[in-house]
C-alpha atoms as a PDB file:
ATOM      1  CA  MET A   1      -7.503 -13.022   1.049  1.00  0.00           C
ATOM      2  CA  ALA A   2      -6.867  -9.815   2.971  1.00  0.00           C
ATOM      3  CA  THR A   3      -8.778  -9.216   6.162  1.00  0.00           C
ATOM      4  CA  SER A   4     -11.793  -7.076   5.416  1.00  0.00           C
ATOM      5  CA  ARG A   5     -12.246  -3.706   7.080  1.00  0.00           C
ATOM      6  CA  TYR A   6     -15.962  -4.287   6.575  1.00  0.00           C
ATOM      7  CA  PRO A   7     -16.642  -7.858   7.725  1.00  0.00           C
ATOM      8  CA  ILE A   8     -19.557  -9.290   5.779  1.00  0.00           C
ATOM      9  CA  PRO A   9     -21.702 -11.425   8.067  1.00  0.00           C
ATOM     10  CA  SER A  10     -22.573 -14.959   7.081  1.00  0.00           C
ATOM     11  CA  ARG A  11     -26.129 -16.224   7.319  1.00  0.00           C
ATOM     12  CA  SER A  12     -26.897 -18.436  10.237  1.00  0.00           C
ATOM     13  CA  ASN A  13     -29.119 -21.497   9.824  1.00  0.00           C
ATOM     14  CA  ASN A  14     -31.115 -20.240  12.793  1.00  0.00           C
ATOM     15  CA  ASP A  15     -32.101 -17.179  10.767  1.00  0.00           C
ATOM     16  CA  ASP A  16     -33.453 -19.115   7.779  1.00  0.00           C
ATOM     17  CA  ALA A  17     -37.074 -19.562   8.810  1.00  0.00           C
ATOM     18  CA  ASP A  18     -37.678 -15.948   9.749  1.00  0.00           C
ATOM     19  CA  TYR A  19     -35.618 -14.687   6.850  1.00  0.00           C
ATOM     20  CA  LEU A  20     -37.336 -16.795   4.180  1.00  0.00           C
ATOM     21  CA  HIS A  21     -40.697 -15.696   5.543  1.00  0.00           C
ATOM     22  CA  THR A  22     -39.773 -12.067   4.906  1.00  0.00           C
ATOM     23  CA  MET A  23     -38.648 -12.979   1.377  1.00  0.00           C
ATOM     24  CA  ASP A  24     -42.110 -14.203   0.322  1.00  0.00           C
ATOM     25  CA  ASN A  25     -43.111 -10.793  -0.978  1.00  0.00           C
ATOM     26  CA  ALA A  26     -39.866  -8.795  -0.759  1.00  0.00           C
ATOM     27  CA  ALA A  27     -40.430  -6.778  -3.922  1.00  0.00           C
ATOM     28  CA  ALA A  28     -43.622  -5.320  -2.496  1.00  0.00           C
ATOM     29  CA  ASN A  29     -41.582  -2.845  -0.440  1.00  0.00           C
ATOM     30  CA  ILE A  30     -39.615  -1.486  -3.401  1.00  0.00           C
ATOM     31  CA  THR A  31     -40.244   1.970  -4.787  1.00  0.00           C
ATOM     32  CA  PRO A  32     -39.733   1.808  -8.580  1.00  0.00           C
ATOM     33  CA  PRO A  33     -37.090   4.186  -9.922  1.00  0.00           C
ATOM     34  CA  ASP A  34     -38.152   7.334 -11.752  1.00  0.00           C
ATOM     35  CA  PRO A  35     -37.253   6.691 -15.443  1.00  0.00           C
ATOM     36  CA  GLU A  36     -36.461  10.366 -15.981  1.00  0.00           C
ATOM     37  CA  GLY A  37     -34.534  11.107 -12.820  1.00  0.00           C
ATOM     38  CA  LEU A  38     -32.586   7.889 -12.223  1.00  0.00           C
ATOM     39  CA  LEU A  39     -31.339   6.829 -15.653  1.00  0.00           C
ATOM     40  CA  VAL A  40     -27.580   7.073 -16.183  1.00  0.00           C
ATOM     41  CA  GLY A  41     -26.202   5.872 -19.481  1.00  0.00           C
ATOM     42  CA  GLY A  42     -29.621   4.541 -20.385  1.00  0.00           C
ATOM     43  CA  VAL A  43     -29.740   2.244 -17.332  1.00  0.00           C
ATOM     44  CA  GLY A  44     -31.693   2.858 -14.133  1.00  0.00           C
ATOM     45  CA  LEU A  45     -29.900   3.208 -10.814  1.00  0.00           C
ATOM     46  CA  GLY A  46     -32.089   0.710  -9.026  1.00  0.00           C
ATOM     47  CA  ALA A  47     -35.005   0.970  -6.658  1.00  0.00           C
ATOM     48  CA  ILE A  48     -34.596   2.491  -3.222  1.00  0.00           C
ATOM     49  CA  PRO A  49     -36.342   0.545  -0.442  1.00  0.00           C
ATOM     50  CA  LYS A  50     -38.408   2.629   1.943  1.00  0.00           C
ATOM     51  CA  GLN A  51     -39.284   0.077   4.620  1.00  0.00           C
ATOM     52  CA  GLN A  52     -36.871  -1.810   6.860  1.00  0.00           C
ATOM     53  CA  ARG A  53     -37.745  -5.162   5.341  1.00  0.00           C
ATOM     54  CA  GLY A  54     -36.772  -3.924   1.904  1.00  0.00           C
ATOM     55  CA  ILE A  55     -33.561  -2.387   3.257  1.00  0.00           C
ATOM     56  CA  ASP A  56     -32.689  -5.734   4.837  1.00  0.00           C
ATOM     57  CA  VAL A  57     -33.297  -7.541   1.536  1.00  0.00           C
ATOM     58  CA  ARG A  58     -31.036  -5.167  -0.376  1.00  0.00           C
ATOM     59  CA  ASP A  59     -28.323  -5.438   2.275  1.00  0.00           C
ATOM     60  CA  ARG A  60     -28.422  -9.238   2.138  1.00  0.00           C
ATOM     61  CA  LEU A  61     -28.191  -9.162  -1.655  1.00  0.00           C
ATOM     62  CA  TYR A  62     -25.273  -6.749  -1.484  1.00  0.00           C
ATOM     63  CA  GLU A  63     -23.409  -8.855   1.070  1.00  0.00           C
ATOM     64  CA  ALA A  64     -24.006 -12.073  -0.891  1.00  0.00           C
ATOM     65  CA  ALA A  65     -22.890 -10.375  -4.099  1.00  0.00           C
ATOM     66  CA  VAL A  66     -19.668  -9.112  -2.530  1.00  0.00           C
ATOM     67  CA  ARG A  67     -18.831 -12.631  -1.343  1.00  0.00           C
ATOM     68  CA  GLU A  68     -19.619 -14.176  -4.741  1.00  0.00           C
ATOM     69  CA  ILE A  69     -17.704 -11.559  -6.745  1.00  0.00           C
ATOM     70  CA  ASP A  70     -14.756 -11.549  -4.361  1.00  0.00           C
ATOM     71  CA  GLU A  71     -14.429 -15.323  -4.633  1.00  0.00           C
ATOM     72  CA  LYS A  72     -14.897 -15.667  -8.395  1.00  0.00           C
ATOM     73  CA  GLY A  73     -14.356 -12.259  -9.975  1.00  0.00           C
ATOM     74  CA  ILE A  74     -17.005 -10.285 -11.810  1.00  0.00           C
ATOM     75  CA  GLU A  75     -16.939 -12.393 -14.990  1.00  0.00           C
ATOM     76  CA  GLU A  76     -17.317 -15.761 -13.289  1.00  0.00           C
ATOM     77  CA  SER A  77     -19.731 -14.671 -10.568  1.00  0.00           C
ATOM     78  CA  ARG A  78     -23.329 -15.751 -11.031  1.00  0.00           C
ATOM     79  CA  VAL A  79     -26.495 -13.944 -10.019  1.00  0.00           C
ATOM     80  CA  GLU A  80     -28.203 -17.289  -9.398  1.00  0.00           C
ATOM     81  CA  ASN A  81     -25.681 -17.992  -6.640  1.00  0.00           C
ATOM     82  CA  ILE A  82     -26.193 -14.550  -5.140  1.00  0.00           C
ATOM     83  CA  VAL A  83     -29.977 -14.784  -5.005  1.00  0.00           C
ATOM     84  CA  ALA A  84     -29.816 -18.359  -3.713  1.00  0.00           C
ATOM     85  CA  GLU A  85     -27.669 -17.253  -0.780  1.00  0.00           C
ATOM     86  CA  ALA A  86     -29.858 -14.210  -0.152  1.00  0.00           C
ATOM     87  CA  GLY A  87     -33.043 -16.259  -0.419  1.00  0.00           C
ATOM     88  CA  THR A  88     -34.741 -14.043  -2.983  1.00  0.00           C
ATOM     89  CA  SER A  89     -35.231 -13.785  -6.754  1.00  0.00           C
ATOM     90  CA  TRP A  90     -33.476 -12.571  -9.897  1.00  0.00           C
ATOM     91  CA  GLY A  91     -36.105  -9.899 -10.322  1.00  0.00           C
ATOM     92  CA  THR A  92     -35.485  -8.462  -6.870  1.00  0.00           C
ATOM     93  CA  PHE A  93     -31.722  -8.423  -7.424  1.00  0.00           C
ATOM     94  CA  PHE A  94     -31.972  -6.512 -10.696  1.00  0.00           C
ATOM     95  CA  ARG A  95     -34.518  -4.069  -9.324  1.00  0.00           C
ATOM     96  CA  TYR A  96     -31.994  -3.060  -6.682  1.00  0.00           C
ATOM     97  CA  PHE A  97     -28.844  -3.543  -8.790  1.00  0.00           C
ATOM     98  CA  PRO A  98     -29.633  -3.161 -12.528  1.00  0.00           C
ATOM     99  CA  ARG A  99     -26.029  -4.063 -13.400  1.00  0.00           C
ATOM    100  CA  LYS A 100     -24.048  -6.723 -11.579  1.00  0.00           C
ATOM    101  CA  GLU A 101     -21.081  -4.338 -11.771  1.00  0.00           C
ATOM    102  CA  ASP A 102     -23.052  -1.810  -9.725  1.00  0.00           C
ATOM    103  CA  ILE A 103     -22.002  -3.802  -6.650  1.00  0.00           C
ATOM    104  CA  PHE A 104     -18.554  -2.252  -7.105  1.00  0.00           C
ATOM    105  CA  LEU A 105     -20.042   1.242  -7.276  1.00  0.00           C
ATOM    106  CA  HIS A 106     -22.101   0.665  -4.141  1.00  0.00           C
ATOM    107  CA  ALA A 107     -18.964  -0.598  -2.375  1.00  0.00           C
ATOM    108  CA  SER A 108     -17.097   2.505  -3.523  1.00  0.00           C
ATOM    109  CA  ALA A 109     -19.945   4.717  -2.297  1.00  0.00           C
ATOM    110  CA  ARG A 110     -19.834   3.068   1.129  1.00  0.00           C
ATOM    111  CA  GLU A 111     -16.091   3.622   1.290  1.00  0.00           C
ATOM    112  CA  PHE A 112     -16.614   7.293   0.445  1.00  0.00           C
ATOM    113  CA  ARG A 113     -19.289   7.863   3.092  1.00  0.00           C
ATOM    114  CA  GLU A 114     -17.741   5.822   5.898  1.00  0.00           C
ATOM    115  CA  ASN A 115     -14.046   6.636   5.462  1.00  0.00           C
ATOM    116  CA  LEU A 116     -13.084   9.213   2.846  1.00  0.00           C
ATOM    117  CA  ARG A 117     -15.531  11.944   3.823  1.00  0.00           C
ATOM    118  CA  PRO A 118     -14.670  11.732   7.556  1.00  0.00           C
ATOM    119  CA  ALA A 119     -10.943  11.742   6.701  1.00  0.00           C
ATOM    120  CA  TRP A 120     -11.451  14.840   4.545  1.00  0.00           C
ATOM    121  CA  ASP A 121     -13.366  16.626   7.299  1.00  0.00           C
ATOM    122  CA  GLU A 122     -10.546  15.892   9.730  1.00  0.00           C
ATOM    123  CA  ALA A 123      -7.860  17.024   7.254  1.00  0.00           C
ATOM    124  CA  ILE A 124      -9.568  20.357   6.557  1.00  0.00           C
ATOM    125  CA  SER A 125      -9.799  21.162  10.258  1.00  0.00           C
ATOM    126  CA  ASP A 126      -6.233  20.010  11.031  1.00  0.00           C
ATOM    127  CA  GLU A 127      -4.060  23.074  10.458  1.00  0.00           C
ATOM    128  CA  ALA A 128      -0.976  21.399  11.936  1.00  0.00           C
ATOM    129  CA  THR A 129      -0.666  18.744   9.218  1.00  0.00           C
ATOM    130  CA  PRO A 130       0.525  19.866   5.751  1.00  0.00           C
ATOM    131  CA  ILE A 131      -2.101  19.531   3.047  1.00  0.00           C
ATOM    132  CA  ARG A 132       0.310  17.417   1.026  1.00  0.00           C
ATOM    133  CA  GLU A 133       0.358  14.765   3.751  1.00  0.00           C
ATOM    134  CA  SER A 134      -3.404  14.977   4.294  1.00  0.00           C
ATOM    135  CA  ALA A 135      -3.975  14.470   0.565  1.00  0.00           C
ATOM    136  CA  ARG A 136      -1.530  11.573   0.583  1.00  0.00           C
ATOM    137  CA  SER A 137      -3.262   9.884   3.515  1.00  0.00           C
ATOM    138  CA  ILE A 138      -6.668  10.158   1.870  1.00  0.00           C
ATOM    139  CA  ILE A 139      -5.384   8.745  -1.421  1.00  0.00           C
ATOM    140  CA  LEU A 140      -3.669   5.888   0.415  1.00  0.00           C
ATOM    141  CA  LEU A 141      -6.954   5.241   2.201  1.00  0.00           C
ATOM    142  CA  MET A 142      -8.611   4.954  -1.218  1.00  0.00           C
ATOM    143  CA  MET A 143      -6.045   2.310  -2.153  1.00  0.00           C
ATOM    144  CA  GLU A 144      -6.478   0.179   0.969  1.00  0.00           C
ATOM    145  CA  PRO A 145      -8.424  -2.991   0.089  1.00  0.00           C
ATOM    146  CA  ILE A 146     -11.793  -3.061   1.831  1.00  0.00           C
ATOM    147  CA  VAL A 147     -12.521  -6.687   0.923  1.00  0.00           C
ATOM    148  CA  SER A 148      -9.542  -8.106  -0.989  1.00  0.00           C
ATOM    149  CA  PRO A 149      -6.960  -6.754  -3.467  1.00  0.00           C
ATOM    150  CA  ARG A 150      -8.741  -8.202  -6.494  1.00  0.00           C
ATOM    151  CA  PHE A 151     -12.135  -6.878  -5.453  1.00  0.00           C
ATOM    152  CA  HIS A 152     -10.624  -3.469  -4.724  1.00  0.00           C
ATOM    153  CA  ALA A 153      -8.842  -3.332  -8.083  1.00  0.00           C
ATOM    154  CA  GLU A 154     -12.086  -4.114  -9.905  1.00  0.00           C
ATOM    155  CA  MET A 155     -13.941  -1.596  -7.731  1.00  0.00           C
ATOM    156  CA  LEU A 156     -11.491   1.189  -8.581  1.00  0.00           C
ATOM    157  CA  THR A 157     -11.574   0.312 -12.272  1.00  0.00           C
ATOM    158  CA  GLU A 158     -15.372   0.375 -12.360  1.00  0.00           C
ATOM    159  CA  THR A 159     -15.489   3.674 -10.449  1.00  0.00           C
ATOM    160  CA  LEU A 160     -13.063   5.269 -12.910  1.00  0.00           C
ATOM    161  CA  ARG A 161     -14.890   3.787 -15.895  1.00  0.00           C
ATOM    162  CA  HIS A 162     -18.313   5.051 -14.820  1.00  0.00           C
ATOM    163  CA  PRO A 163     -17.802   8.258 -12.793  1.00  0.00           C
ATOM    164  CA  ALA A 164     -21.278   9.632 -13.541  1.00  0.00           C
ATOM    165  CA  ARG A 165     -22.955   6.434 -12.399  1.00  0.00           C
ATOM    166  CA  PHE A 166     -20.842   6.295  -9.255  1.00  0.00           C
ATOM    167  CA  ALA A 167     -21.721   9.921  -8.495  1.00  0.00           C
ATOM    168  CA  ALA A 168     -25.432   9.256  -8.996  1.00  0.00           C
ATOM    169  CA  ILE A 169     -25.348   6.224  -6.679  1.00  0.00           C
ATOM    170  CA  LEU A 170     -23.452   8.175  -4.032  1.00  0.00           C
ATOM    171  CA  ASP A 171     -25.795  11.159  -4.541  1.00  0.00           C
ATOM    172  CA  GLU A 172     -23.355  13.822  -3.337  1.00  0.00           C
ATOM    173  CA  GLY A 173     -23.001  15.790  -6.559  1.00  0.00           C
ATOM    174  CA  GLU A 174     -20.933  15.315  -9.701  1.00  0.00           C
ATOM    175  CA  LEU A 175     -17.379  13.923  -9.572  1.00  0.00           C
ATOM    176  CA  PRO A 176     -17.334  13.503  -5.778  1.00  0.00           C
ATOM    177  CA  LEU A 177     -13.791  12.114  -5.584  1.00  0.00           C
ATOM    178  CA  ALA A 178     -12.402  14.991  -7.621  1.00  0.00           C
ATOM    179  CA  VAL A 179     -14.392  17.513  -5.570  1.00  0.00           C
ATOM    180  CA  LEU A 180     -13.007  15.995  -2.374  1.00  0.00           C
ATOM    181  CA  MET A 181      -9.423  16.328  -3.603  1.00  0.00           C
ATOM    182  CA  ALA A 182     -10.063  19.778  -5.080  1.00  0.00           C
ATOM    183  CA  GLY A 183     -11.251  20.961  -1.671  1.00  0.00           C
ATOM    184  CA  LEU A 184      -7.969  19.877  -0.120  1.00  0.00           C
ATOM    185  CA  LEU A 185      -5.939  21.551  -2.858  1.00  0.00           C
ATOM    186  CA  ALA A 186      -7.934  24.771  -2.498  1.00  0.00           C
ATOM    187  CA  GLU A 187      -7.191  24.730   1.223  1.00  0.00           C
ATOM    188  CA  GLY A 188      -3.547  24.145   0.299  1.00  0.00           C
ATOM    189  CA  GLN A 189      -3.608  27.268  -1.861  1.00  0.00           C
ATOM    190  CA  ASN A 190      -5.039  29.253   1.036  1.00  0.00           C
ATOM    191  CA  ARG A 191      -2.165  28.043   3.207  1.00  0.00           C
ATOM    192  CA  GLY A 192       0.467  28.751   0.564  1.00  0.00           C
ATOM    193  CA  GLU A 193       1.274  25.054   0.094  1.00  0.00           C
ATOM    194  CA  VAL A 194      -0.089  24.784  -3.468  1.00  0.00           C
ATOM    195  CA  LYS A 195       1.016  26.913  -6.407  1.00  0.00           C
ATOM    196  CA  PRO A 196      -1.199  30.027  -6.542  1.00  0.00           C
ATOM    197  CA  ASP A 197      -1.784  29.616 -10.282  1.00  0.00           C
ATOM    198  CA  ALA A 198      -2.416  25.866 -10.168  1.00  0.00           C
ATOM    199  CA  PRO A 199      -5.734  24.939 -11.857  1.00  0.00           C
ATOM    200  CA  ILE A 200      -7.342  23.181  -8.903  1.00  0.00           C
ATOM    201  CA  PRO A 201      -9.870  20.956 -10.763  1.00  0.00           C
ATOM    202  CA  VAL A 202      -7.221  19.756 -13.233  1.00  0.00           C
ATOM    203  CA  CYS A 203      -4.680  19.110 -10.498  1.00  0.00           C
ATOM    204  CA  ALA A 204      -7.224  17.161  -8.450  1.00  0.00           C
ATOM    205  CA  ALA A 205      -8.080  14.963 -11.446  1.00  0.00           C
ATOM    206  CA  VAL A 206      -4.395  14.342 -12.208  1.00  0.00           C
ATOM    207  CA  LEU A 207      -3.617  13.361  -8.622  1.00  0.00           C
ATOM    208  CA  LEU A 208      -6.523  10.962  -8.397  1.00  0.00           C
ATOM    209  CA  ALA A 209      -6.257   9.384 -11.823  1.00  0.00           C
ATOM    210  CA  GLY A 210      -2.487   8.982 -11.675  1.00  0.00           C
ATOM    211  CA  VAL A 211      -2.500   7.208  -8.328  1.00  0.00           C
ATOM    212  CA  MET A 212      -5.651   5.165  -8.886  1.00  0.00           C
ATOM    213  CA  PHE A 213      -4.596   3.820 -12.280  1.00  0.00           C
ATOM    214  CA  SER A 214      -1.128   2.950 -10.995  1.00  0.00           C
ATOM    215  CA  ALA A 215      -2.360   1.283  -7.832  1.00  0.00           C
ATOM    216  CA  ALA A 216      -5.180  -0.630  -9.536  1.00  0.00           C
ATOM    217  CA  ARG A 217      -2.650  -2.638 -11.532  1.00  0.00           C
ATOM    218  CA  VAL A 218      -0.618  -3.359  -8.416  1.00  0.00           C
ATOM    219  CA  LEU A 219      -3.760  -4.486  -6.582  1.00  0.00           C
ATOM    220  CA  GLN A 220      -4.429  -6.973  -9.379  1.00  0.00           C
ATOM    221  CA  ASP A 221      -0.847  -8.263  -9.187  1.00  0.00           C
ATOM    222  CA  VAL A 222      -1.121  -8.627  -5.400  1.00  0.00           C
ATOM    223  CA  ALA A 223      -4.373 -10.533  -5.817  1.00  0.00           C
ATOM    224  CA  GLN A 224      -2.680 -12.913  -8.276  1.00  0.00           C
ATOM    225  CA  GLY A 225       0.237 -13.463  -5.904  1.00  0.00           C
ATOM    226  CA  SER A 226       2.870 -11.941  -8.184  1.00  0.00           C
ATOM    227  CA  ARG A 227       3.606  -8.970  -5.890  1.00  0.00           C
ATOM    228  CA  PRO A 228       3.612  -8.479  -2.110  1.00  0.00           C
ATOM    229  CA  GLY A 229       0.863  -6.441  -0.484  1.00  0.00           C
ATOM    230  CA  SER A 230       3.382  -3.829   0.656  1.00  0.00           C
ATOM    231  CA  ASP A 231       3.784  -2.780  -2.989  1.00  0.00           C
ATOM    232  CA  ILE A 232       0.317  -1.168  -2.969  1.00  0.00           C
ATOM    233  CA  ALA A 233       1.293   1.678  -0.649  1.00  0.00           C
ATOM    234  CA  GLU A 234       4.777   1.951  -2.164  1.00  0.00           C
ATOM    235  CA  VAL A 235       3.495   2.449  -5.717  1.00  0.00           C
ATOM    236  CA  ALA A 236       0.686   4.749  -4.560  1.00  0.00           C
ATOM    237  CA  ASN A 237       3.229   6.894  -2.705  1.00  0.00           C
ATOM    238  CA  GLN A 238       5.503   7.074  -5.736  1.00  0.00           C
ATOM    239  CA  ALA A 239       2.632   8.036  -8.020  1.00  0.00           C
ATOM    240  CA  PHE A 240       1.440  10.644  -5.546  1.00  0.00           C
ATOM    241  CA  ASP A 241       4.887  12.239  -5.223  1.00  0.00           C
ATOM    242  CA  LEU A 242       5.221  12.418  -9.001  1.00  0.00           C
ATOM    243  CA  ALA A 243       1.800  14.046  -9.410  1.00  0.00           C
ATOM    244  CA  TRP A 244       2.367  16.441  -6.480  1.00  0.00           C
ATOM    245  CA  SER A 245       5.600  17.740  -8.034  1.00  0.00           C
ATOM    246  CA  GLY A 246       3.478  19.780 -10.437  1.00  0.00           C
ATOM    247  CA  VAL A 247       1.145  21.043  -7.710  1.00  0.00           C
ATOM    248  CA  GLY A 248       3.160  21.977  -4.638  1.00  0.00           C
ATOM    249  CA  ALA A 249       4.422  25.493  -4.095  1.00  0.00           C
END
C-alpha cells in the first residue's frame, strides 16, 4: 500500500478506558440534520457535531472507516468492524455517515480543503508560472493517492458519480472542482493563454472529467498490481495534454 499523505492514527490500548467512557452517550452531542436543507438525492447528509466530544467520535469513525475500506474495498467492508474499532454503535455511524460510500466524499472534501484550494490560491497569485502548468499541477495533485491507489480510485469514482452530494458535504457551492478549474482557465484568458472564445465552464468540465476518468482506471490497475505507480502521473499528463489542446491559445 502506498504511504499515506494523511497518516491515520491507530488507537492505543492506553486510550481505551477514557475513550469508551466518552462513547457511553456519544449520540447525545449530535445535532439532527434538517430534513429540508440537508437532503441530497433523498438521503440526508449526516449530523454535524457541535461539541468536541461529538467531533472526536465522528473523526474516530471516519478514520476507522478509511482503514476498513482501504483494506477490503467498499463492497467487502463492514460497518460492524468500523464501529467495533471506533467503540460506538451502528446508529451513531449512520447518523454521521448515512451512506457508507460517503466516507469517500468526506475524504475528497478533505483533499479539496487541505490541498487543492491552497494550491489554487498559490497558482492564481503566481504570475510567473503559465496557467497551463498550474492547471496541470492541480490536476496531478487530484490524482495523487491520499491513502492508497484503490481507495483513491474509488474516491474519484464516487465523487464523479455524486457531484451534488460531494458539493453539499464540502459546502463551498455547486460543482466546486469545476469552479476551481474554471477560475484558473478564466485567469488564463486574462493572460492570453486560453482561447478568448473558449467556453470556460465547458472547458473546465472537459479537463477534469477527461483526466479523472482516465486516471481512475490506472489507479485501479496500480492497486491490483498490473501497472506500476508511475503510470498514474504519465496517463494523467497525457490526458491533460489532449484536453488542453482544445483550450490553449
